[in-house]
PDB file of all heavy atoms in Angstrom:
ATOM      1  N   LEU A   1       0.834  -1.208   0.000  1.00  0.00           N
ATOM      2  CA  LEU A   1       0.000   0.000   0.000  1.00  0.00           C
ATOM      3  C   LEU A   1       0.865   1.254   0.000  1.00  0.00           C
ATOM      4  O   LEU A   1       0.606   2.195  -0.763  1.00  0.00           O
ATOM      5  CB  LEU A   1      -0.900   0.003   1.244  1.00  0.00           C
ATOM      6  CG  LEU A   1      -2.333  -0.402   1.017  1.00  0.00           C
ATOM      7  CD1 LEU A   1      -3.038  -0.575   2.340  1.00  0.00           C
ATOM      8  CD2 LEU A   1      -3.058   0.599   0.175  1.00  0.00           C
ATOM      9  N   GLN A   2       1.886   1.267   0.854  1.00  0.00           N
ATOM     10  CA  GLN A   2       2.756   2.436   0.917  1.00  0.00           C
ATOM     11  C   GLN A   2       3.494   2.634  -0.409  1.00  0.00           C
ATOM     12  O   GLN A   2       3.613   3.769  -0.888  1.00  0.00           O
ATOM     13  CB  GLN A   2       3.749   2.288   2.073  1.00  0.00           C
ATOM     14  CG  GLN A   2       3.096   2.420   3.427  1.00  0.00           C
ATOM     15  CD  GLN A   2       4.033   2.091   4.576  1.00  0.00           C
ATOM     16  OE1 GLN A   2       5.040   1.420   4.391  1.00  0.00           O
ATOM     17  NE2 GLN A   2       3.688   2.554   5.767  1.00  0.00           N
ATOM     18  N   ASN A   3       3.963   1.533  -0.986  1.00  0.00           N
ATOM     19  CA  ASN A   3       4.632   1.644  -2.287  1.00  0.00           C
ATOM     20  C   ASN A   3       3.663   2.157  -3.347  1.00  0.00           C
ATOM     21  O   ASN A   3       4.020   3.002  -4.171  1.00  0.00           O
ATOM     22  CB  ASN A   3       5.217   0.292  -2.708  1.00  0.00           C
ATOM     23  CG  ASN A   3       6.379  -0.131  -1.845  1.00  0.00           C
ATOM     24  OD1 ASN A   3       6.988   0.690  -1.170  1.00  0.00           O
ATOM     25  ND2 ASN A   3       6.679  -1.414  -1.853  1.00  0.00           N
ATOM     26  N   SER A   4       2.440   1.648  -3.331  1.00  0.00           N
ATOM     27  CA  SER A   4       1.432   2.088  -4.299  1.00  0.00           C
ATOM     28  C   SER A   4       1.122   3.566  -4.114  1.00  0.00           C
ATOM     29  O   SER A   4       0.992   4.301  -5.098  1.00  0.00           O
ATOM     30  CB  SER A   4       0.150   1.274  -4.147  1.00  0.00           C
ATOM     31  OG  SER A   4       0.387  -0.080  -4.459  1.00  0.00           O
ATOM     32  N   LYS A   5       1.010   4.001  -2.846  1.00  0.00           N
ATOM     33  CA  LYS A   5       0.750   5.426  -2.588  1.00  0.00           C
ATOM     34  C   LYS A   5       1.880   6.282  -3.130  1.00  0.00           C
ATOM     35  O   LYS A   5       1.637   7.332  -3.732  1.00  0.00           O
ATOM     36  CB  LYS A   5       0.582   5.668  -1.080  1.00  0.00           C
ATOM     37  CG  LYS A   5      -0.758   5.284  -0.538  1.00  0.00           C
ATOM     38  CD  LYS A   5      -0.861   5.634   0.938  1.00  0.00           C
ATOM     39  CE  LYS A   5      -2.189   5.230   1.511  1.00  0.00           C
ATOM     40  NZ  LYS A   5      -2.287   5.543   2.953  1.00  0.00           N
ATOM     41  N   THR A   6       3.118   5.830  -2.925  1.00  0.00           N
ATOM     42  CA  THR A   6       4.272   6.587  -3.424  1.00  0.00           C
ATOM     43  C   THR A   6       4.231   6.673  -4.945  1.00  0.00           C
ATOM     44  O   THR A   6       4.445   7.750  -5.520  1.00  0.00           O
ATOM     45  CB  THR A   6       5.580   5.910  -2.963  1.00  0.00           C
ATOM     46  OG1 THR A   6       5.562   5.801  -1.538  1.00  0.00           O
ATOM     47  CG2 THR A   6       6.786   6.689  -3.401  1.00  0.00           C
ATOM     48  N   VAL A   7       3.938   5.539  -5.590  1.00  0.00           N
ATOM     49  CA  VAL A   7       3.868   5.522  -7.055  1.00  0.00           C
ATOM     50  C   VAL A   7       2.738   6.431  -7.530  1.00  0.00           C
ATOM     51  O   VAL A   7       2.910   7.215  -8.484  1.00  0.00           O
ATOM     52  CB  VAL A   7       3.667   4.069  -7.564  1.00  0.00           C
ATOM     53  CG1 VAL A   7       3.284   4.049  -9.027  1.00  0.00           C
ATOM     54  CG2 VAL A   7       4.922   3.255  -7.325  1.00  0.00           C
ATOM     55  N   ILE A   8       1.593   6.355  -6.867  1.00  0.00           N
ATOM     56  CA  ILE A   8       0.443   7.189  -7.258  1.00  0.00           C
ATOM     57  C   ILE A   8       0.774   8.670  -7.087  1.00  0.00           C
ATOM     58  O   ILE A   8       0.446   9.489  -7.954  1.00  0.00           O
ATOM     59  CB  ILE A   8      -0.807   6.798  -6.441  1.00  0.00           C
ATOM     60  CG1 ILE A   8      -1.318   5.446  -6.923  1.00  0.00           C
ATOM     61  CG2 ILE A   8      -1.892   7.861  -6.549  1.00  0.00           C
ATOM     62  CD1 ILE A   8      -2.433   4.870  -6.068  1.00  0.00           C
ATOM     63  N   GLN A   9       1.434   9.018  -5.983  1.00  0.00           N
ATOM     64  CA  GLN A   9       1.806  10.414  -5.772  1.00  0.00           C
ATOM     65  C   GLN A   9       2.760  10.895  -6.860  1.00  0.00           C
ATOM     66  O   GLN A   9       2.632  12.011  -7.364  1.00  0.00           O
ATOM     67  CB  GLN A   9       2.443  10.600  -4.393  1.00  0.00           C
ATOM     68  CG  GLN A   9       1.446  10.505  -3.253  1.00  0.00           C
ATOM     69  CD  GLN A   9       2.118  10.520  -1.888  1.00  0.00           C
ATOM     70  OE1 GLN A   9       3.330  10.367  -1.772  1.00  0.00           O
ATOM     71  NE2 GLN A   9       1.315  10.686  -0.845  1.00  0.00           N
ATOM     72  N   ALA A  10       3.709  10.033  -7.216  1.00  0.00           N
ATOM     73  CA  ALA A  10       4.655  10.410  -8.271  1.00  0.00           C
ATOM     74  C   ALA A  10       3.914  10.593  -9.597  1.00  0.00           C
ATOM     75  O   ALA A  10       4.155  11.561 -10.331  1.00  0.00           O
ATOM     76  CB  ALA A  10       5.743   9.348  -8.405  1.00  0.00           C
ATOM     77  N   LYS A  11       2.993   9.678  -9.889  1.00  0.00           N
ATOM     78  CA  LYS A  11       2.232   9.788 -11.138  1.00  0.00           C
ATOM     79  C   LYS A  11       1.308  10.998 -11.115  1.00  0.00           C
ATOM     80  O   LYS A  11       1.135  11.660 -12.140  1.00  0.00           O
ATOM     81  CB  LYS A  11       1.442   8.504 -11.398  1.00  0.00           C
ATOM     82  CG  LYS A  11       2.350   7.360 -11.802  1.00  0.00           C
ATOM     83  CD  LYS A  11       1.593   6.125 -12.176  1.00  0.00           C
ATOM     84  CE  LYS A  11       2.567   5.033 -12.612  1.00  0.00           C
ATOM     85  NZ  LYS A  11       1.893   3.845 -13.080  1.00  0.00           N
ATOM     86  N   ASP A  12       0.723  11.298  -9.950  1.00  0.00           N
ATOM     87  CA  ASP A  12      -0.106  12.498  -9.834  1.00  0.00           C
ATOM     88  C   ASP A  12       0.720  13.757 -10.099  1.00  0.00           C
ATOM     89  O   ASP A  12       0.249  14.684 -10.766  1.00  0.00           O
ATOM     90  CB  ASP A  12      -0.738  12.589  -8.432  1.00  0.00           C
ATOM     91  CG  ASP A  12      -1.944  11.683  -8.271  1.00  0.00           C
ATOM     92  OD1 ASP A  12      -2.437  11.158  -9.299  1.00  0.00           O
ATOM     93  OD2 ASP A  12      -2.396  11.500  -7.122  1.00  0.00           O
ATOM     94  N   ALA A  13       1.948  13.770  -9.584  1.00  0.00           N
ATOM     95  CA  ALA A  13       2.815  14.924  -9.821  1.00  0.00           C
ATOM     96  C   ALA A  13       3.129  15.047 -11.310  1.00  0.00           C
ATOM     97  O   ALA A  13       3.099  16.159 -11.868  1.00  0.00           O
ATOM     98  CB  ALA A  13       4.110  14.791  -9.011  1.00  0.00           C
ATOM     99  N   VAL A  14       3.407  13.922 -11.974  1.00  0.00           N
ATOM    100  CA  VAL A  14       3.681  13.942 -13.415  1.00  0.00           C
ATOM    101  C   VAL A  14       2.442  14.411 -14.168  1.00  0.00           C
ATOM    102  O   VAL A  14       2.535  15.234 -15.094  1.00  0.00           O
ATOM    103  CB  VAL A  14       4.128  12.538 -13.900  1.00  0.00           C
ATOM    104  CG1 VAL A  14       4.125  12.468 -15.410  1.00  0.00           C
ATOM    105  CG2 VAL A  14       5.499  12.207 -13.343  1.00  0.00           C
ATOM    106  N   ILE A  15       1.268  13.914 -13.764  1.00  0.00           N
ATOM    107  CA  ILE A  15       0.014  14.313 -14.423  1.00  0.00           C
ATOM    108  C   ILE A  15      -0.214  15.812 -14.261  1.00  0.00           C
ATOM    109  O   ILE A  15      -0.576  16.500 -15.224  1.00  0.00           O
ATOM    110  CB  ILE A  15      -1.173  13.501 -13.857  1.00  0.00           C
ATOM    111  CG1 ILE A  15      -1.106  12.068 -14.354  1.00  0.00           C
ATOM    112  CG2 ILE A  15      -2.513  14.140 -14.242  1.00  0.00           C
ATOM    113  CD1 ILE A  15      -2.096  11.126 -13.684  1.00  0.00           C
ATOM    114  N   GLN A  16       0.006  16.319 -13.054  1.00  0.00           N
ATOM    115  CA  GLN A  16      -0.186  17.751 -12.813  1.00  0.00           C
ATOM    116  C   GLN A  16       0.787  18.558 -13.677  1.00  0.00           C
ATOM    117  O   GLN A  16       0.407  19.569 -14.270  1.00  0.00           O
ATOM    118  CB  GLN A  16       0.003  18.071 -11.323  1.00  0.00           C
ATOM    119  CG  GLN A  16      -0.338  19.498 -10.973  1.00  0.00           C
ATOM    120  CD  GLN A  16      -1.782  19.855 -11.276  1.00  0.00           C
ATOM    121  OE1 GLN A  16      -2.679  19.038 -11.141  1.00  0.00           O
ATOM    122  NE2 GLN A  16      -2.013  21.081 -11.703  1.00  0.00           N
ATOM    123  N   GLU A  17       2.016  18.093 -13.760  1.00  0.00           N
ATOM    124  CA  GLU A  17       3.009  18.783 -14.580  1.00  0.00           C
ATOM    125  C   GLU A  17       2.580  18.773 -16.049  1.00  0.00           C
ATOM    126  O   GLU A  17       2.689  19.792 -16.749  1.00  0.00           O
ATOM    127  CB  GLU A  17       4.361  18.078 -14.409  1.00  0.00           C
ATOM    128  CG  GLU A  17       5.524  18.812 -15.005  1.00  0.00           C
ATOM    129  CD  GLU A  17       6.834  18.074 -14.722  1.00  0.00           C
ATOM    130  OE1 GLU A  17       7.076  17.719 -13.548  1.00  0.00           O
ATOM    131  OE2 GLU A  17       7.589  17.868 -15.687  1.00  0.00           O
ATOM    132  N   LEU A  18       2.089  17.624 -16.501  1.00  0.00           N
ATOM    133  CA  LEU A  18       1.637  17.523 -17.897  1.00  0.00           C
ATOM    134  C   LEU A  18       0.419  18.417 -18.141  1.00  0.00           C
ATOM    135  O   LEU A  18       0.302  19.026 -19.203  1.00  0.00           O
ATOM    136  CB  LEU A  18       1.322  16.069 -18.252  1.00  0.00           C
ATOM    137  CG  LEU A  18       2.541  15.141 -18.354  1.00  0.00           C
ATOM    138  CD1 LEU A  18       2.094  13.705 -18.537  1.00  0.00           C
ATOM    139  CD2 LEU A  18       3.450  15.574 -19.485  1.00  0.00           C
ATOM    140  N   LYS A  19      -0.491  18.497 -17.177  1.00  0.00           N
ATOM    141  CA  LYS A  19      -1.656  19.375 -17.320  1.00  0.00           C
ATOM    142  C   LYS A  19      -1.207  20.825 -17.477  1.00  0.00           C
ATOM    143  O   LYS A  19      -1.749  21.573 -18.302  1.00  0.00           O
ATOM    144  CB  LYS A  19      -2.581  19.251 -16.101  1.00  0.00           C
ATOM    145  CG  LYS A  19      -3.449  18.017 -16.097  1.00  0.00           C
ATOM    146  CD  LYS A  19      -4.337  18.011 -14.867  1.00  0.00           C
ATOM    147  CE  LYS A  19      -5.243  16.800 -14.832  1.00  0.00           C
ATOM    148  NZ  LYS A  19      -6.100  16.805 -13.622  1.00  0.00           N
ATOM    149  N   GLU A  20      -0.209  21.190 -16.656  1.00  0.00           N
ATOM    150  CA  GLU A  20       0.295  22.562 -16.754  1.00  0.00           C
ATOM    151  C   GLU A  20       0.927  22.807 -18.122  1.00  0.00           C
ATOM    152  O   GLU A  20       0.723  23.863 -18.728  1.00  0.00           O
ATOM    153  CB  GLU A  20       1.305  22.825 -15.635  1.00  0.00           C
ATOM    154  CG  GLU A  20       0.666  22.879 -14.260  1.00  0.00           C
ATOM    155  CD  GLU A  20       1.693  22.932 -13.129  1.00  0.00           C
ATOM    156  OE1 GLU A  20       2.912  22.994 -13.412  1.00  0.00           O
ATOM    157  OE2 GLU A  20       1.253  22.897 -11.971  1.00  0.00           O
ATOM    158  N   LYS A  21       1.679  21.830 -18.612  1.00  0.00           N
ATOM    159  CA  LYS A  21       2.300  21.970 -19.931  1.00  0.00           C
ATOM    160  C   LYS A  21       1.233  22.058 -21.017  1.00  0.00           C
ATOM    161  O   LYS A  21       1.351  22.872 -21.948  1.00  0.00           O
ATOM    162  CB  LYS A  21       3.224  20.784 -20.226  1.00  0.00           C
ATOM    163  CG  LYS A  21       4.536  20.844 -19.497  1.00  0.00           C
ATOM    164  CD  LYS A  21       5.423  19.668 -19.874  1.00  0.00           C
ATOM    165  CE  LYS A  21       6.742  19.703 -19.120  1.00  0.00           C
ATOM    166  NZ  LYS A  21       7.584  18.548 -19.464  1.00  0.00           N
ATOM    167  N   VAL A  22       0.172  21.217 -20.904  1.00  0.00           N
ATOM    168  CA  VAL A  22      -0.911  21.248 -21.893  1.00  0.00           C
ATOM    169  C   VAL A  22      -1.588  22.613 -21.870  1.00  0.00           C
ATOM    170  O   VAL A  22      -1.869  23.198 -22.928  1.00  0.00           O
ATOM    171  CB  VAL A  22      -1.932  20.111 -21.625  1.00  0.00           C
ATOM    172  CG1 VAL A  22      -3.222  20.335 -22.388  1.00  0.00           C
ATOM    173  CG2 VAL A  22      -1.328  18.763 -21.987  1.00  0.00           C
ATOM    174  N   ALA A  23      -1.844  23.136 -20.671  1.00  0.00           N
ATOM    175  CA  ALA A  23      -2.496  24.442 -20.569  1.00  0.00           C
ATOM    176  C   ALA A  23      -1.608  25.521 -21.195  1.00  0.00           C
ATOM    177  O   ALA A  23      -2.101  26.389 -21.933  1.00  0.00           O
ATOM    178  CB  ALA A  23      -2.786  24.773 -19.110  1.00  0.00           C
ATOM    179  N   TYR A  24      -0.304  25.448 -20.911  1.00  0.00           N
ATOM    180  CA  TYR A  24       0.618  26.426 -21.479  1.00  0.00           C
ATOM    181  C   TYR A  24       0.639  26.311 -23.001  1.00  0.00           C
ATOM    182  O   TYR A  24       0.569  27.321 -23.717  1.00  0.00           O
ATOM    183  CB  TYR A  24       2.026  26.210 -20.896  1.00  0.00           C
ATOM    184  CG  TYR A  24       3.067  27.094 -21.527  1.00  0.00           C
ATOM    185  CD1 TYR A  24       3.168  28.437 -21.162  1.00  0.00           C
ATOM    186  CD2 TYR A  24       3.934  26.605 -22.497  1.00  0.00           C
ATOM    187  CE1 TYR A  24       4.115  29.248 -21.739  1.00  0.00           C
ATOM    188  CE2 TYR A  24       4.882  27.419 -23.085  1.00  0.00           C
ATOM    189  CZ  TYR A  24       4.971  28.741 -22.697  1.00  0.00           C
ATOM    190  OH  TYR A  24       5.907  29.554 -23.271  1.00  0.00           O
ATOM    191  N   LEU A  25       0.706  25.070 -23.517  1.00  0.00           N
ATOM    192  CA  LEU A  25       0.749  24.872 -24.961  1.00  0.00           C
ATOM    193  C   LEU A  25      -0.564  25.275 -25.627  1.00  0.00           C
ATOM    194  O   LEU A  25      -0.558  25.816 -26.745  1.00  0.00           O
ATOM    195  CB  LEU A  25       1.093  23.416 -25.293  1.00  0.00           C
ATOM    196  CG  LEU A  25       2.529  23.007 -24.944  1.00  0.00           C
ATOM    197  CD1 LEU A  25       2.694  21.507 -25.146  1.00  0.00           C
ATOM    198  CD2 LEU A  25       3.538  23.790 -25.767  1.00  0.00           C
ATOM    199  N   GLU A  26      -1.699  25.044 -24.944  1.00  0.00           N
ATOM    200  CA  GLU A  26      -2.983  25.483 -25.502  1.00  0.00           C
ATOM    201  C   GLU A  26      -3.024  27.005 -25.602  1.00  0.00           C
ATOM    202  O   GLU A  26      -3.501  27.566 -26.595  1.00  0.00           O
ATOM    203  CB  GLU A  26      -4.151  24.979 -24.639  1.00  0.00           C
ATOM    204  CG  GLU A  26      -4.488  23.521 -24.855  1.00  0.00           C
ATOM    205  CD  GLU A  26      -5.649  23.058 -23.984  1.00  0.00           C
ATOM    206  OE1 GLU A  26      -6.004  23.747 -23.006  1.00  0.00           O
ATOM    207  OE2 GLU A  26      -6.193  21.990 -24.295  1.00  0.00           O
ATOM    208  N   ALA A  27      -2.521  27.668 -24.549  1.00  0.00           N
ATOM    209  CA  ALA A  27      -2.491  29.132 -24.588  1.00  0.00           C
ATOM    210  C   ALA A  27      -1.566  29.624 -25.707  1.00  0.00           C
ATOM    211  O   ALA A  27      -1.903  30.566 -26.427  1.00  0.00           O
ATOM    212  CB  ALA A  27      -2.039  29.676 -23.240  1.00  0.00           C
ATOM    213  N   GLU A  28      -0.412  28.946 -25.845  1.00  0.00           N
ATOM    214  CA  GLU A  28       0.501  29.322 -26.920  1.00  0.00           C
ATOM    215  C   GLU A  28      -0.131  29.067 -28.277  1.00  0.00           C
ATOM    216  O   GLU A  28       0.013  29.863 -29.213  1.00  0.00           O
ATOM    217  CB  GLU A  28       1.803  28.507 -26.814  1.00  0.00           C
ATOM    218  CG  GLU A  28       2.967  29.324 -26.373  1.00  0.00           C
ATOM    219  CD  GLU A  28       4.272  28.534 -26.439  1.00  0.00           C
ATOM    220  OE1 GLU A  28       4.336  27.451 -27.045  1.00  0.00           O
ATOM    221  OE2 GLU A  28       5.237  29.036 -25.868  1.00  0.00           O
ATOM    222  N   ASN A  29      -0.846  27.964 -28.398  1.00  0.00           N
ATOM    223  CA  ASN A  29      -1.532  27.617 -29.636  1.00  0.00           C
ATOM    224  C   ASN A  29      -2.578  28.679 -29.970  1.00  0.00           C
ATOM    225  O   ASN A  29      -2.691  29.116 -31.130  1.00  0.00           O
ATOM    226  CB  ASN A  29      -2.174  26.231 -29.504  1.00  0.00           C
ATOM    227  CG  ASN A  29      -2.726  25.729 -30.820  1.00  0.00           C
ATOM    228  OD1 ASN A  29      -2.304  26.161 -31.881  1.00  0.00           O
ATOM    229  ND2 ASN A  29      -3.671  24.813 -30.742  1.00  0.00           N
ATOM    230  N   LEU A  30      -3.351  29.091 -28.970  1.00  0.00           N
ATOM    231  CA  LEU A  30      -4.352  30.147 -29.198  1.00  0.00           C
ATOM    232  C   LEU A  30      -3.670  31.444 -29.631  1.00  0.00           C
ATOM    233  O   LEU A  30      -4.148  32.143 -30.529  1.00  0.00           O
ATOM    234  CB  LEU A  30      -5.165  30.383 -27.921  1.00  0.00           C
ATOM    235  CG  LEU A  30      -6.209  29.332 -27.596  1.00  0.00           C
ATOM    236  CD1 LEU A  30      -6.844  29.644 -26.240  1.00  0.00           C
ATOM    237  CD2 LEU A  30      -7.279  29.285 -28.673  1.00  0.00           C
ATOM    238  N   GLU A  31      -2.563  31.715 -28.971  1.00  0.00           N
ATOM    239  CA  GLU A  31      -1.846  32.936 -29.320  1.00  0.00           C
ATOM    240  C   GLU A  31      -1.350  32.878 -30.761  1.00  0.00           C
ATOM    241  O   GLU A  31      -1.504  33.844 -31.526  1.00  0.00           O
ATOM    242  CB  GLU A  31      -0.663  33.125 -28.366  1.00  0.00           C
ATOM    243  CG  GLU A  31       0.138  34.373 -28.633  1.00  0.00           C
ATOM    244  CD  GLU A  31       1.347  34.488 -27.720  1.00  0.00           C
ATOM    245  OE1 GLU A  31       1.415  33.756 -26.717  1.00  0.00           O
ATOM    246  OE2 GLU A  31       2.215  35.316 -28.045  1.00  0.00           O
ATOM    247  N   MET A  32      -0.782  31.722 -31.147  1.00  0.00           N
ATOM    248  CA  MET A  32      -0.303  31.569 -32.519  1.00  0.00           C
ATOM    249  C   MET A  32      -1.466  31.659 -33.508  1.00  0.00           C
ATOM    250  O   MET A  32      -1.344  32.276 -34.560  1.00  0.00           O
ATOM    251  CB  MET A  32       0.409  30.219 -32.688  1.00  0.00           C
ATOM    252  CG  MET A  32       1.674  30.137 -31.898  1.00  0.00           C
ATOM    253  SD  MET A  32       2.871  31.241 -32.595  1.00  0.00           S
ATOM    254  CE  MET A  32       4.205  30.137 -32.807  1.00  0.00           C
ATOM    255  N   HIS A  33      -2.569  31.039 -33.155  1.00  0.00           N
ATOM    256  CA  HIS A  33      -3.753  31.066 -34.015  1.00  0.00           C
ATOM    257  C   HIS A  33      -4.218  32.521 -34.210  1.00  0.00           C
ATOM    258  O   HIS A  33      -4.532  32.943 -35.340  1.00  0.00           O
ATOM    259  CB  HIS A  33      -4.864  30.216 -33.393  1.00  0.00           C
ATOM    260  CG  HIS A  33      -6.085  30.111 -34.228  1.00  0.00           C
ATOM    261  ND1 HIS A  33      -6.084  29.608 -35.510  1.00  0.00           N
ATOM    262  CD2 HIS A  33      -7.383  30.447 -33.963  1.00  0.00           C
ATOM    263  CE1 HIS A  33      -7.302  29.645 -35.992  1.00  0.00           C
ATOM    264  NE2 HIS A  33      -8.115  30.151 -35.074  1.00  0.00           N
ATOM    265  N   ASP A  34      -4.239  33.238 -33.100  1.00  0.00           N
ATOM    266  CA  ASP A  34      -4.654  34.642 -33.186  1.00  0.00           C
ATOM    267  C   ASP A  34      -3.662  35.463 -34.014  1.00  0.00           C
ATOM    268  O   ASP A  34      -4.065  36.357 -34.776  1.00  0.00           O
ATOM    269  CB  ASP A  34      -4.780  35.246 -31.783  1.00  0.00           C
ATOM    270  CG  ASP A  34      -6.037  34.757 -31.075  1.00  0.00           C
ATOM    271  OD1 ASP A  34      -6.898  34.142 -31.753  1.00  0.00           O
ATOM    272  OD2 ASP A  34      -6.158  34.983 -29.856  1.00  0.00           O
ATOM    273  N   ARG A  35      -2.390  35.166 -33.868  1.00  0.00           N
ATOM    274  CA  ARG A  35      -1.396  35.902 -34.659  1.00  0.00           C
ATOM    275  C   ARG A  35      -1.578  35.615 -36.146  1.00  0.00           C
ATOM    276  O   ARG A  35      -1.481  36.520 -36.982  1.00  0.00           O
ATOM    277  CB  ARG A  35       0.017  35.518 -34.218  1.00  0.00           C
ATOM    278  CG  ARG A  35       0.368  36.149 -32.879  1.00  0.00           C
ATOM    279  CD  ARG A  35       1.673  35.660 -32.335  1.00  0.00           C
ATOM    280  NE  ARG A  35       2.812  36.114 -33.115  1.00  0.00           N
ATOM    281  CZ  ARG A  35       4.043  35.667 -32.978  1.00  0.00           C
ATOM    282  NH1 ARG A  35       4.282  34.735 -32.076  1.00  0.00           N
ATOM    283  NH2 ARG A  35       5.017  36.128 -33.708  1.00  0.00           N
ATOM    284  N   ILE A  36      -1.868  34.341 -36.450  1.00  0.00           N
ATOM    285  CA  ILE A  36      -2.096  34.002 -37.860  1.00  0.00           C
ATOM    286  C   ILE A  36      -3.345  34.714 -38.361  1.00  0.00           C
ATOM    287  O   ILE A  36      -3.347  35.286 -39.459  1.00  0.00           O
ATOM    288  CB  ILE A  36      -2.213  32.472 -38.033  1.00  0.00           C
ATOM    289  CG1 ILE A  36      -0.847  31.840 -37.820  1.00  0.00           C
ATOM    290  CG2 ILE A  36      -2.776  32.107 -39.386  1.00  0.00           C
ATOM    291  CD1 ILE A  36      -0.860  30.326 -37.772  1.00  0.00           C
ATOM    292  N   GLU A  37      -4.418  34.682 -37.551  1.00  0.00           N
ATOM    293  CA  GLU A  37      -5.645  35.389 -37.942  1.00  0.00           C
ATOM    294  C   GLU A  37      -5.352  36.875 -38.130  1.00  0.00           C
ATOM    295  O   GLU A  37      -5.842  37.501 -39.070  1.00  0.00           O
ATOM    296  CB  GLU A  37      -6.732  35.213 -36.867  1.00  0.00           C
ATOM    297  CG  GLU A  37      -7.444  33.894 -36.897  1.00  0.00           C
ATOM    298  CD  GLU A  37      -8.509  33.804 -35.817  1.00  0.00           C
ATOM    299  OE1 GLU A  37      -8.836  34.834 -35.182  1.00  0.00           O
ATOM    300  OE2 GLU A  37      -9.006  32.693 -35.612  1.00  0.00           O
ATOM    301  N   HIS A  38      -4.565  37.414 -37.229  1.00  0.00           N
ATOM    302  CA  HIS A  38      -4.227  38.827 -37.309  1.00  0.00           C
ATOM    303  C   HIS A  38      -3.459  39.129 -38.599  1.00  0.00           C
ATOM    304  O   HIS A  38      -3.744  40.123 -39.288  1.00  0.00           O
ATOM    305  CB  HIS A  38      -3.403  39.220 -36.080  1.00  0.00           C
ATOM    306  CG  HIS A  38      -2.957  40.633 -36.084  1.00  0.00           C
ATOM    307  ND1 HIS A  38      -3.830  41.686 -35.896  1.00  0.00           N
ATOM    308  CD2 HIS A  38      -1.723  41.200 -36.268  1.00  0.00           C
ATOM    309  CE1 HIS A  38      -3.161  42.817 -35.963  1.00  0.00           C
ATOM    310  NE2 HIS A  38      -1.871  42.547 -36.189  1.00  0.00           N
TER     311      HIS A  38
END
């Protein structure tokens, strides 16, 4: 159980990091899209 909790916490941290990267890339994508539209 303790090992599983540690693994889950590590994976949760990776997931959170990936979510942040996705949000950043989506914002960058919107910005690029707007620049192209502009």
